[in-house]
Amino acid sequence: MIDLAGKSSIADHMIVATGRSARHIGALADHLAERLKAEGLPVATEGMPQCDWVLLDAGDLIVHLFRPEVRAYYNLEKMWGAPVVALTGTDGPGAWAH
């Protein structure tokens, strides 16, 4: 997770994650979009047809899901130059309260 609060007007938090394959990324994106909508957040997605890089925009939270080689190529963490916070314990109640 990259904390963007006060650094960008596009969002407060950015999550960058890697899937094992295009199918895995598509499944992750579908599941995550459902969870975010269940939390009352509006979600827009980009990149679902190819699933090399899927973007989920939920307002103050942006999630990027990549295939490993695509994530290495774009290296968003380095581009933003922001401290990266590893998310742990992301299953169960309160998982979205990071």
N, C-alpha and C. Protein backbone atom coordinates (compact mmCIF):
# COMPACT_ATOMS: atom_id res chain seq x y z
N MET A 1 0.85 -1.16 0.00
CA MET A 1 0.00 0.00 0.00
C MET A 1 0.90 1.23 0.00
N ILE A 2 0.55 2.20 -0.80
CA ILE A 2 1.27 3.46 -0.87
C ILE A 2 0.36 4.55 -0.33
N ASP A 3 0.81 5.25 0.68
CA ASP A 3 0.03 6.34 1.28
C ASP A 3 0.20 7.59 0.42
N LEU A 4 -0.89 8.04 -0.20
CA LEU A 4 -0.84 9.22 -1.07
C LEU A 4 -1.49 10.45 -0.43
N ALA A 5 -1.98 10.30 0.78
CA ALA A 5 -2.66 11.42 1.45
C ALA A 5 -1.74 12.63 1.52
N GLY A 6 -2.22 13.75 1.01
CA GLY A 6 -1.45 14.97 1.01
C GLY A 6 -0.40 15.06 -0.09
N LYS A 7 -0.23 13.97 -0.85
CA LYS A 7 0.76 13.95 -1.92
C LYS A 7 0.14 14.00 -3.31
N SER A 8 -1.15 13.63 -3.38
CA SER A 8 -1.83 13.58 -4.67
C SER A 8 -3.31 13.84 -4.47
N SER A 9 -3.93 14.45 -5.46
CA SER A 9 -5.36 14.69 -5.39
C SER A 9 -6.17 13.53 -5.96
N ILE A 10 -5.50 12.53 -6.55
CA ILE A 10 -6.25 11.44 -7.18
C ILE A 10 -6.78 10.43 -6.18
N ALA A 11 -6.09 10.24 -5.05
CA ALA A 11 -6.53 9.26 -4.05
C ALA A 11 -5.71 9.45 -2.78
N ASP A 12 -6.17 8.83 -1.70
CA ASP A 12 -5.42 8.84 -0.44
C ASP A 12 -4.53 7.62 -0.30
N HIS A 13 -4.97 6.51 -0.91
CA HIS A 13 -4.22 5.25 -0.80
C HIS A 13 -4.19 4.54 -2.15
N MET A 14 -3.06 3.90 -2.41
CA MET A 14 -2.91 3.09 -3.61
C MET A 14 -2.39 1.72 -3.19
N ILE A 15 -3.07 0.70 -3.64
CA ILE A 15 -2.63 -0.67 -3.37
C ILE A 15 -2.12 -1.25 -4.68
N VAL A 16 -0.93 -1.84 -4.62
CA VAL A 16 -0.32 -2.47 -5.79
C VAL A 16 -0.13 -3.94 -5.42
N ALA A 17 -0.70 -4.83 -6.24
CA ALA A 17 -0.62 -6.26 -5.96
C ALA A 17 -0.34 -7.04 -7.23
N THR A 18 0.14 -8.25 -7.05
CA THR A 18 0.50 -9.12 -8.17
C THR A 18 -0.34 -10.38 -8.15
N GLY A 19 -0.85 -10.75 -9.33
CA GLY A 19 -1.53 -12.02 -9.50
C GLY A 19 -0.64 -12.97 -10.27
N ARG A 20 -0.98 -14.24 -10.24
CA ARG A 20 -0.15 -15.26 -10.89
C ARG A 20 -0.38 -15.37 -12.39
N SER A 21 -1.57 -14.98 -12.85
CA SER A 21 -1.92 -15.12 -14.27
C SER A 21 -3.06 -14.15 -14.58
N ALA A 22 -3.37 -14.01 -15.86
CA ALA A 22 -4.48 -13.13 -16.25
C ALA A 22 -5.78 -13.62 -15.62
N ARG A 23 -5.99 -14.90 -15.59
CA ARG A 23 -7.22 -15.44 -14.98
C ARG A 23 -7.28 -15.13 -13.48
N HIS A 24 -6.15 -15.27 -12.81
CA HIS A 24 -6.08 -14.97 -11.38
C HIS A 24 -6.37 -13.50 -11.13
N ILE A 25 -5.79 -12.61 -11.93
CA ILE A 25 -6.01 -11.18 -11.78
C ILE A 25 -7.48 -10.84 -12.02
N GLY A 26 -8.09 -11.44 -13.02
CA GLY A 26 -9.51 -11.20 -13.28
C GLY A 26 -10.37 -11.62 -12.10
N ALA A 27 -10.06 -12.77 -11.52
CA ALA A 27 -10.82 -13.25 -10.36
C ALA A 27 -10.61 -12.33 -9.16
N LEU A 28 -9.37 -11.92 -8.93
CA LEU A 28 -9.09 -10.98 -7.83
C LEU A 28 -9.86 -9.68 -8.02
N ALA A 29 -9.83 -9.15 -9.25
CA ALA A 29 -10.52 -7.89 -9.53
C ALA A 29 -12.03 -8.02 -9.31
N ASP A 30 -12.62 -9.10 -9.79
CA ASP A 30 -14.06 -9.32 -9.59
C ASP A 30 -14.40 -9.38 -8.10
N HIS A 31 -13.63 -10.17 -7.36
CA HIS A 31 -13.89 -10.33 -5.93
C HIS A 31 -13.71 -9.00 -5.19
N LEU A 32 -12.64 -8.29 -5.50
CA LEU A 32 -12.38 -7.02 -4.83
C LEU A 32 -13.44 -5.98 -5.16
N ALA A 33 -13.87 -5.92 -6.41
CA ALA A 33 -14.93 -4.97 -6.79
C ALA A 33 -16.21 -5.27 -6.02
N GLU A 34 -16.55 -6.55 -5.88
CA GLU A 34 -17.75 -6.92 -5.11
C GLU A 34 -17.62 -6.50 -3.66
N ARG A 35 -16.45 -6.73 -3.05
CA ARG A 35 -16.25 -6.36 -1.64
C ARG A 35 -16.32 -4.84 -1.45
N LEU A 36 -15.69 -4.10 -2.36
CA LEU A 36 -15.72 -2.64 -2.24
C LEU A 36 -17.13 -2.10 -2.41
N LYS A 37 -17.87 -2.65 -3.36
CA LYS A 37 -19.27 -2.23 -3.55
C LYS A 37 -20.11 -2.58 -2.33
N ALA A 38 -19.85 -3.73 -1.71
CA ALA A 38 -20.57 -4.13 -0.50
C ALA A 38 -20.28 -3.17 0.65
N GLU A 39 -19.11 -2.53 0.62
CA GLU A 39 -18.75 -1.54 1.64
C GLU A 39 -19.32 -0.16 1.30
N GLY A 40 -20.04 -0.07 0.17
CA GLY A 40 -20.68 1.18 -0.20
C GLY A 40 -19.82 2.10 -1.05
N LEU A 41 -18.72 1.59 -1.57
CA LEU A 41 -17.84 2.41 -2.40
C LEU A 41 -18.17 2.23 -3.87
N PRO A 42 -18.22 3.32 -4.62
CA PRO A 42 -18.41 3.19 -6.07
C PRO A 42 -17.09 2.70 -6.67
N VAL A 43 -17.17 1.77 -7.60
CA VAL A 43 -15.95 1.19 -8.17
C VAL A 43 -16.01 1.24 -9.69
N ALA A 44 -14.95 1.78 -10.30
CA ALA A 44 -14.78 1.75 -11.75
C ALA A 44 -13.57 0.87 -12.03
N THR A 45 -13.65 0.06 -13.09
CA THR A 45 -12.53 -0.81 -13.43
C THR A 45 -12.04 -0.53 -14.84
N GLU A 46 -10.76 -0.76 -15.04
CA GLU A 46 -10.13 -0.66 -16.36
C GLU A 46 -9.23 -1.87 -16.55
N GLY A 47 -9.14 -2.37 -17.76
CA GLY A 47 -8.19 -3.42 -18.08
C GLY A 47 -8.69 -4.84 -17.94
N MET A 48 -9.98 -5.02 -17.68
CA MET A 48 -10.50 -6.37 -17.46
C MET A 48 -10.39 -7.29 -18.69
N PRO A 49 -10.56 -6.80 -19.90
CA PRO A 49 -10.48 -7.74 -21.03
C PRO A 49 -9.14 -8.47 -21.13
N GLN A 50 -8.02 -7.78 -20.90
CA GLN A 50 -6.71 -8.41 -21.03
C GLN A 50 -6.21 -8.97 -19.70
N CYS A 51 -6.50 -8.31 -18.61
CA CYS A 51 -6.09 -8.69 -17.27
C CYS A 51 -4.57 -8.77 -17.10
N ASP A 52 -3.82 -7.97 -17.86
CA ASP A 52 -2.38 -7.82 -17.61
C ASP A 52 -2.17 -6.84 -16.46
N TRP A 53 -3.00 -5.79 -16.48
CA TRP A 53 -2.97 -4.74 -15.47
C TRP A 53 -4.41 -4.27 -15.31
N VAL A 54 -5.00 -4.54 -14.15
CA VAL A 54 -6.37 -4.10 -13.88
C VAL A 54 -6.33 -3.01 -12.83
N LEU A 55 -7.04 -1.94 -13.11
CA LEU A 55 -7.15 -0.81 -12.19
C LEU A 55 -8.55 -0.77 -11.64
N LEU A 56 -8.66 -0.68 -10.33
CA LEU A 56 -9.95 -0.48 -9.66
C LEU A 56 -9.88 0.87 -8.97
N ASP A 57 -10.78 1.76 -9.34
CA ASP A 57 -10.83 3.10 -8.77
C ASP A 57 -12.05 3.19 -7.87
N ALA A 58 -11.80 3.32 -6.57
CA ALA A 58 -12.88 3.42 -5.59
C ALA A 58 -12.80 4.75 -4.85
N GLY A 59 -12.51 5.80 -5.60
CA GLY A 59 -12.45 7.14 -5.00
C GLY A 59 -11.13 7.38 -4.33
N ASP A 60 -11.12 7.37 -3.00
CA ASP A 60 -9.89 7.62 -2.25
C ASP A 60 -8.96 6.41 -2.21
N LEU A 61 -9.39 5.31 -2.80
CA LEU A 61 -8.58 4.09 -2.87
C LEU A 61 -8.46 3.65 -4.32
N ILE A 62 -7.23 3.46 -4.76
CA ILE A 62 -6.97 2.94 -6.10
C ILE A 62 -6.19 1.64 -5.95
N VAL A 63 -6.62 0.61 -6.66
CA VAL A 63 -5.96 -0.69 -6.60
C VAL A 63 -5.45 -1.05 -7.99
N HIS A 64 -4.19 -1.43 -8.06
CA HIS A 64 -3.58 -1.91 -9.30
C HIS A 64 -3.26 -3.38 -9.11
N LEU A 65 -3.77 -4.22 -10.01
CA LEU A 65 -3.46 -5.65 -10.00
C LEU A 65 -2.67 -5.97 -11.26
N PHE A 66 -1.49 -6.54 -11.10
CA PHE A 66 -0.58 -6.79 -12.22
C PHE A 66 -0.20 -8.25 -12.36
N ARG A 67 0.12 -8.66 -13.59
CA ARG A 67 0.91 -9.87 -13.79
C ARG A 67 2.33 -9.51 -13.38
N PRO A 68 3.13 -10.46 -12.89
CA PRO A 68 4.46 -10.13 -12.35
C PRO A 68 5.36 -9.32 -13.29
N GLU A 69 5.45 -9.71 -14.56
CA GLU A 69 6.35 -9.01 -15.48
C GLU A 69 5.85 -7.60 -15.80
N VAL A 70 4.55 -7.40 -15.78
CA VAL A 70 3.99 -6.06 -16.04
C VAL A 70 4.24 -5.16 -14.83
N ARG A 71 4.09 -5.72 -13.64
CA ARG A 71 4.37 -4.94 -12.42
C ARG A 71 5.84 -4.52 -12.38
N ALA A 72 6.74 -5.43 -12.72
CA ALA A 72 8.17 -5.11 -12.72
C ALA A 72 8.48 -4.02 -13.75
N TYR A 73 7.83 -4.08 -14.90
CA TYR A 73 8.08 -3.11 -15.95
C TYR A 73 7.66 -1.70 -15.54
N TYR A 74 6.45 -1.56 -14.99
CA TYR A 74 5.94 -0.23 -14.64
C TYR A 74 6.46 0.28 -13.29
N ASN A 75 6.73 -0.62 -12.36
CA ASN A 75 7.34 -0.29 -11.07
C ASN A 75 6.71 0.96 -10.44
N LEU A 76 5.42 0.91 -10.21
CA LEU A 76 4.70 2.06 -9.65
C LEU A 76 5.23 2.52 -8.30
N GLU A 77 5.68 1.57 -7.50
CA GLU A 77 6.19 1.93 -6.18
C GLU A 77 7.36 2.91 -6.32
N LYS A 78 8.26 2.64 -7.23
CA LYS A 78 9.41 3.52 -7.43
C LYS A 78 8.97 4.85 -8.05
N MET A 79 8.03 4.77 -9.01
CA MET A 79 7.57 5.99 -9.67
C MET A 79 6.98 6.98 -8.66
N TRP A 80 6.20 6.48 -7.70
CA TRP A 80 5.59 7.36 -6.72
C TRP A 80 6.58 7.81 -5.66
N GLY A 81 7.68 7.08 -5.51
CA GLY A 81 8.70 7.47 -4.54
C GLY A 81 8.16 7.60 -3.13
N ALA A 82 7.12 6.86 -2.85
CA ALA A 82 6.47 6.95 -1.54
C ALA A 82 6.81 5.71 -0.72
N PRO A 83 6.82 5.85 0.60
CA PRO A 83 7.02 4.67 1.44
C PRO A 83 5.92 3.65 1.19
N VAL A 84 6.31 2.41 1.13
CA VAL A 84 5.35 1.33 0.90
C VAL A 84 5.05 0.66 2.23
N VAL A 85 3.76 0.47 2.51
CA VAL A 85 3.31 -0.19 3.73
C VAL A 85 2.75 -1.54 3.34
N ALA A 86 3.31 -2.61 3.88
CA ALA A 86 2.82 -3.95 3.59
C ALA A 86 1.52 -4.18 4.35
N LEU A 87 0.51 -4.68 3.66
CA LEU A 87 -0.76 -5.02 4.31
C LEU A 87 -0.69 -6.44 4.81
N THR A 88 -1.12 -6.65 6.03
CA THR A 88 -1.17 -8.00 6.59
C THR A 88 -2.54 -8.19 7.20
N GLY A 89 -2.92 -9.44 7.36
CA GLY A 89 -4.21 -9.72 7.98
C GLY A 89 -5.37 -9.17 7.18
N THR A 90 -5.36 -9.38 5.87
CA THR A 90 -6.39 -8.77 5.03
C THR A 90 -7.64 -9.61 4.89
N ASP A 91 -7.76 -10.65 5.68
CA ASP A 91 -9.00 -11.45 5.67
C ASP A 91 -9.76 -11.21 6.97
N GLY A 92 -11.06 -11.26 6.88
CA GLY A 92 -11.87 -11.18 8.07
C GLY A 92 -12.43 -9.79 8.32
N PRO A 93 -13.19 -9.65 9.41
CA PRO A 93 -13.83 -8.38 9.73
C PRO A 93 -12.81 -7.25 9.90
N GLY A 94 -13.15 -6.11 9.40
CA GLY A 94 -12.29 -4.94 9.52
C GLY A 94 -11.10 -4.93 8.58
N ALA A 95 -11.08 -5.84 7.62
CA ALA A 95 -9.92 -5.95 6.73
C ALA A 95 -9.73 -4.69 5.90
N TRP A 96 -10.77 -3.92 5.67
CA TRP A 96 -10.66 -2.73 4.84
C TRP A 96 -10.30 -1.50 5.67
N ALA A 97 -10.12 -1.65 6.96
CA ALA A 97 -9.86 -0.50 7.83
C ALA A 97 -8.38 -0.26 8.02
N HIS A 98 -7.59 -0.33 6.97
CA HIS A 98 -6.14 -0.09 7.07
C HIS A 98 -5.84 1.35 6.77
